[in-house]
Protein backbone atom coordinates (compact mmCIF):
# COMPACT_ATOMS: atom_id res chain seq x y z
CA MET A 1 -8.64 -23.56 -10.35
CA GLY A 2 -9.57 -20.37 -8.53
CA ILE A 3 -7.15 -17.77 -7.27
CA ILE A 4 -7.57 -18.80 -3.63
CA GLU A 5 -6.79 -22.45 -4.40
CA ARG A 6 -3.48 -21.33 -5.92
CA CYS A 7 -2.33 -19.80 -2.61
CA HIS A 8 0.07 -21.83 -0.47
CA ASP A 9 1.64 -21.40 2.93
CA PRO A 10 4.91 -23.06 4.03
CA TYR A 11 3.00 -26.30 4.74
CA GLY A 12 1.30 -26.57 1.35
CA LYS A 13 -2.27 -25.73 0.32
CA LEU A 14 -4.13 -23.36 2.59
CA SER A 15 -6.47 -25.01 5.05
CA GLU A 16 -10.18 -25.01 4.31
CA GLN A 17 -10.69 -22.48 7.11
CA ARG A 18 -8.15 -20.06 5.63
CA ARG A 19 -9.57 -20.45 2.13
CA ARG A 20 -13.06 -19.62 3.47
CA GLN A 21 -11.63 -16.64 5.35
CA LEU A 22 -10.05 -15.26 2.15
CA SER A 23 -13.24 -15.92 0.23
CA ARG A 24 -15.31 -13.99 2.79
CA LEU A 25 -12.81 -11.13 2.68
CA LEU A 26 -13.05 -10.97 -1.12
CA ARG A 27 -16.85 -11.00 -1.06
CA SER A 28 -17.34 -8.49 1.73
CA PRO A 29 -14.22 -6.83 3.13
CA ASP A 30 -14.57 -5.35 6.60
CA GLN A 31 -12.01 -4.01 9.04
CA GLN A 32 -12.28 -6.81 11.60
CA LEU A 33 -11.89 -9.57 9.00
CA TRP A 34 -9.01 -7.68 7.38
CA GLU A 35 -7.22 -7.44 10.74
CA ARG A 36 -7.55 -11.21 11.18
CA SER A 37 -6.46 -11.94 7.60
CA ARG A 38 -3.65 -9.52 6.89
CA GLY A 39 -0.93 -11.83 8.22
CA LEU A 40 -2.03 -14.90 6.25
CA VAL A 41 0.79 -16.38 4.23
CA ILE A 42 -0.45 -16.71 0.66
CA ARG A 43 2.86 -17.64 -0.97
CA ALA A 44 5.52 -19.78 0.65
CA VAL A 45 8.63 -19.03 -1.44
CA PRO A 46 9.37 -16.22 -1.30
CA LEU A 47 7.19 -15.71 1.73
CA VAL A 48 4.36 -13.26 1.00
CA THR A 49 1.57 -12.33 3.39
CA LEU A 50 -1.72 -10.89 2.25
CA GLU A 51 -0.74 -7.49 3.63
CA MET A 52 2.60 -7.54 1.79
CA ALA A 53 0.81 -8.33 -1.47
CA VAL A 54 -1.77 -5.57 -0.94
CA LYS A 55 0.99 -3.05 -0.25
CA SER A 56 2.79 -4.13 -3.43
CA VAL A 57 -0.19 -3.64 -5.71
CA SER A 58 -1.59 -0.53 -4.03
CA GLY A 59 1.68 1.35 -3.80
CA ARG A 60 0.79 2.48 -0.29
CA PRO A 61 3.34 1.88 2.47
CA GLU A 62 0.60 1.60 5.10
CA ILE A 63 -2.81 -0.03 4.90
CA ARG A 64 -5.14 1.50 7.50
CA SER A 65 -8.48 0.17 6.34
CA ALA A 66 -9.74 -2.97 4.65
CA PRO A 67 -8.84 -2.95 0.95
CA ASP A 68 -11.60 -3.15 -1.63
CA PRO A 69 -12.29 -6.51 -3.36
CA PHE A 70 -10.54 -5.44 -6.58
CA THR A 71 -7.31 -4.60 -4.72
CA LEU A 72 -7.50 -7.85 -2.77
CA TYR A 73 -7.93 -9.85 -5.97
CA ARG A 74 -5.00 -8.02 -7.61
CA ALA A 75 -2.89 -8.77 -4.53
CA LEU A 76 -3.72 -12.48 -4.70
CA ARG A 77 -2.89 -12.56 -8.43
CA PHE A 78 0.38 -10.74 -7.72
CA ALA A 79 1.33 -13.30 -5.06
CA VAL A 80 0.51 -16.46 -6.99
CA GLY A 81 1.32 -15.22 -10.49
């Protein structure tokens, strides 16, 4: 099971559309896609958004640009681990 399949929102597994969105962001992060994805809930309890997870692993209080794929992957692992 891949890291994206382990992400859940309050309603259960992420929709296919949201899984594809995260996959695209991991493959090729860009600012516009990051802006659309930063609020995605990737863990239901406790509630964790993608941006919250990135902030936790990067140690930066503000994320101004799209994170690199390695940071995004670490954030997903942080959230679902």
